[in-house]
């Protein structure tokens, strides 16, 4: 086991720098927090459970444009508002292909 000794001044300086970075991140992400909270996203499993359908059926809905989806890093997400509209029998507007 190796023990490293840090001077208290260095440790306090490191703490201040980490706190500054944390504050900068908070400032940069603040405008997006409201947007993130306003739009609730569901992953495939949550959407399937809510609609009581299989993943394959959900994929078919997505392929036919019945439900819109967003893909981030190979993971697919669905807007809760669109899924709720679909559950009420109202289909979200189909996107026009160009």
C-alpha atoms as a PDB file:
ATOM      1  CA  UNK A   1       0.000   0.000   0.000  1.00  0.00           C
ATOM      2  CA  UNK A   2       1.292   3.408  -0.983  1.00  0.00           C
ATOM      3  CA  UNK A   3       0.643   6.551   1.038  1.00  0.00           C
ATOM      4  CA  UNK A   4       0.780   9.973  -0.592  1.00  0.00           C
ATOM      5  CA  UNK A   5       1.055  13.085   1.516  1.00  0.00           C
ATOM      6  CA  UNK A   6      -0.363  16.362   0.184  1.00  0.00           C
ATOM      7  CA  UNK A   7       0.328  19.769   1.587  1.00  0.00           C
ATOM      8  CA  UNK A   8      -2.865  21.356   2.985  1.00  0.00           C
ATOM      9  CA  UNK A   9      -2.353  24.402   0.730  1.00  0.00           C
ATOM     10  CA  UNK A  10      -2.304  22.194  -2.365  1.00  0.00           C
ATOM     11  CA  UNK A  11      -5.394  20.329  -1.194  1.00  0.00           C
ATOM     12  CA  UNK A  12      -7.295  23.574  -0.578  1.00  0.00           C
ATOM     13  CA  UNK A  13      -6.256  24.935  -3.988  1.00  0.00           C
ATOM     14  CA  UNK A  14      -7.435  21.717  -5.645  1.00  0.00           C
ATOM     15  CA  UNK A  15     -10.729  21.961  -3.780  1.00  0.00           C
ATOM     16  CA  UNK A  16     -11.228  25.559  -4.993  1.00  0.00           C
ATOM     17  CA  UNK A  17     -10.522  24.564  -8.608  1.00  0.00           C
ATOM     18  CA  UNK A  18     -12.954  21.654  -8.461  1.00  0.00           C
ATOM     19  CA  UNK A  19     -15.591  23.952  -6.986  1.00  0.00           C
ATOM     20  CA  UNK A  20     -15.017  26.498  -9.807  1.00  0.00           C
ATOM     21  CA  UNK A  21     -15.444  23.790 -12.445  1.00  0.00           C
ATOM     22  CA  UNK A  22     -18.579  22.558 -10.717  1.00  0.00           C
ATOM     23  CA  UNK A  23     -20.042  26.078 -10.708  1.00  0.00           C
ATOM     24  CA  UNK A  24     -19.182  26.551 -14.396  1.00  0.00           C
ATOM     25  CA  UNK A  25     -20.928  23.315 -15.289  1.00  0.00           C
ATOM     26  CA  UNK A  26     -23.982  24.359 -13.295  1.00  0.00           C
ATOM     27  CA  UNK A  27     -24.084  27.731 -15.095  1.00  0.00           C
ATOM     28  CA  UNK A  28     -23.726  26.119 -18.519  1.00  0.00           C
ATOM     29  CA  UNK A  29     -26.451  23.521 -17.960  1.00  0.00           C
ATOM     30  CA  UNK A  30     -28.960  25.791 -16.198  1.00  0.00           C
ATOM     31  CA  UNK A  31     -30.779  26.927 -19.389  1.00  0.00           C
ATOM     32  CA  UNK A  32     -31.300  23.310 -20.441  1.00  0.00           C
ATOM     33  CA  UNK A  33     -32.721  22.038 -17.152  1.00  0.00           C
ATOM     34  CA  UNK A  34     -36.161  23.532 -17.834  1.00  0.00           C
ATOM     35  CA  UNK A  35     -36.196  22.000 -21.300  1.00  0.00           C
ATOM     36  CA  UNK A  36     -35.116  18.645 -19.940  1.00  0.00           C
ATOM     37  CA  UNK A  37     -37.845  18.692 -17.302  1.00  0.00           C
ATOM     38  CA  UNK A  38     -40.496  19.871 -19.785  1.00  0.00           C
ATOM     39  CA  UNK A  39     -39.871  16.964 -22.157  1.00  0.00           C
ATOM     40  CA  UNK A  40     -40.049  13.548 -20.552  1.00  0.00           C
ATOM     41  CA  UNK A  41     -38.406  10.808 -22.588  1.00  0.00           C
ATOM     42  CA  UNK A  42     -39.048   7.075 -22.427  1.00  0.00           C
ATOM     43  CA  UNK A  43     -36.647   4.360 -23.487  1.00  0.00           C
ATOM     44  CA  UNK A  44     -37.879   1.344 -25.469  1.00  0.00           C
ATOM     45  CA  UNK A  45     -38.631  -0.761 -22.429  1.00  0.00           C
ATOM     46  CA  UNK A  46     -40.640   1.988 -20.708  1.00  0.00           C
ATOM     47  CA  UNK A  47     -42.595   2.704 -23.907  1.00  0.00           C
ATOM     48  CA  UNK A  48     -43.366  -1.002 -24.360  1.00  0.00           C
ATOM     49  CA  UNK A  49     -44.573  -1.328 -20.785  1.00  0.00           C
ATOM     50  CA  UNK A  50     -46.736   1.779 -21.051  1.00  0.00           C
ATOM     51  CA  UNK A  51     -48.302   0.653 -24.346  1.00  0.00           C
ATOM     52  CA  UNK A  52     -48.374  -3.028 -23.327  1.00  0.00           C
ATOM     53  CA  UNK A  53     -46.726  -4.107 -26.597  1.00  0.00           C
ATOM     54  CA  UNK A  54     -43.575  -5.983 -27.615  1.00  0.00           C
ATOM     55  CA  UNK A  55     -40.326  -4.357 -28.679  1.00  0.00           C
ATOM     56  CA  UNK A  56     -40.896  -5.632 -32.224  1.00  0.00           C
ATOM     57  CA  UNK A  57     -44.322  -3.934 -32.387  1.00  0.00           C
ATOM     58  CA  UNK A  58     -42.777  -0.719 -31.104  1.00  0.00           C
ATOM     59  CA  UNK A  59     -40.106  -0.980 -33.805  1.00  0.00           C
ATOM     60  CA  UNK A  60     -42.856  -1.417 -36.428  1.00  0.00           C
ATOM     61  CA  UNK A  61     -44.655   1.700 -35.169  1.00  0.00           C
ATOM     62  CA  UNK A  62     -41.394   3.582 -35.401  1.00  0.00           C
ATOM     63  CA  UNK A  63     -40.606   2.312 -38.906  1.00  0.00           C
ATOM     64  CA  UNK A  64     -44.092   3.223 -40.173  1.00  0.00           C
ATOM     65  CA  UNK A  65     -43.879   6.684 -38.629  1.00  0.00           C
ATOM     66  CA  UNK A  66     -46.717   6.059 -36.196  1.00  0.00           C
ATOM     67  CA  UNK A  67     -44.484   7.004 -33.259  1.00  0.00           C
ATOM     68  CA  UNK A  68     -41.553   9.343 -33.625  1.00  0.00           C
ATOM     69  CA  UNK A  69     -38.295   8.447 -31.947  1.00  0.00           C
ATOM     70  CA  UNK A  70     -34.911   9.950 -31.263  1.00  0.00           C
ATOM     71  CA  UNK A  71     -31.762   7.899 -31.215  1.00  0.00           C
ATOM     72  CA  UNK A  72     -28.817   8.816 -29.003  1.00  0.00           C
ATOM     73  CA  UNK A  73     -25.761   6.565 -28.919  1.00  0.00           C
ATOM     74  CA  UNK A  74     -27.601   3.530 -30.278  1.00  0.00           C
ATOM     75  CA  UNK A  75     -30.390   3.932 -27.734  1.00  0.00           C
ATOM     76  CA  UNK A  76     -33.884   4.896 -28.856  1.00  0.00           C
ATOM     77  CA  UNK A  77     -36.100   7.301 -26.924  1.00  0.00           C
ATOM     78  CA  UNK A  78     -39.763   8.254 -27.333  1.00  0.00           C
ATOM     79  CA  UNK A  79     -41.490  11.424 -26.134  1.00  0.00           C
ATOM     80  CA  UNK A  80     -43.967  10.690 -23.364  1.00  0.00           C
ATOM     81  CA  UNK A  81     -46.370  13.251 -24.846  1.00  0.00           C
ATOM     82  CA  UNK A  82     -46.412  11.402 -28.200  1.00  0.00           C
ATOM     83  CA  UNK A  83     -46.932   8.027 -26.525  1.00  0.00           C
ATOM     84  CA  UNK A  84     -49.816   9.463 -24.485  1.00  0.00           C
ATOM     85  CA  UNK A  85     -51.418  10.893 -27.650  1.00  0.00           C
ATOM     86  CA  UNK A  86     -51.097   7.484 -29.292  1.00  0.00           C
ATOM     87  CA  UNK A  87     -52.722   5.824 -26.270  1.00  0.00           C
ATOM     88  CA  UNK A  88     -55.664   8.237 -26.510  1.00  0.00           C
ATOM     89  CA  UNK A  89     -56.181   7.217 -30.123  1.00  0.00           C
ATOM     90  CA  UNK A  90     -54.723  10.373 -31.600  1.00  0.00           C
ATOM     91  CA  UNK A  91     -51.784   9.706 -33.856  1.00  0.00           C
ATOM     92  CA  UNK A  92     -48.983  12.250 -33.778  1.00  0.00           C
ATOM     93  CA  UNK A  93     -48.365  13.938 -37.111  1.00  0.00           C
ATOM     94  CA  UNK A  94     -46.366  11.810 -39.478  1.00  0.00           C
ATOM     95  CA  UNK A  95     -43.176  13.493 -40.647  1.00  0.00           C
ATOM     96  CA  UNK A  96     -43.051  14.159 -44.367  1.00  0.00           C
ATOM     97  CA  UNK A  97     -40.236  12.483 -46.257  1.00  0.00           C
ATOM     98  CA  UNK A  98     -38.427  14.734 -48.693  1.00  0.00           C
END
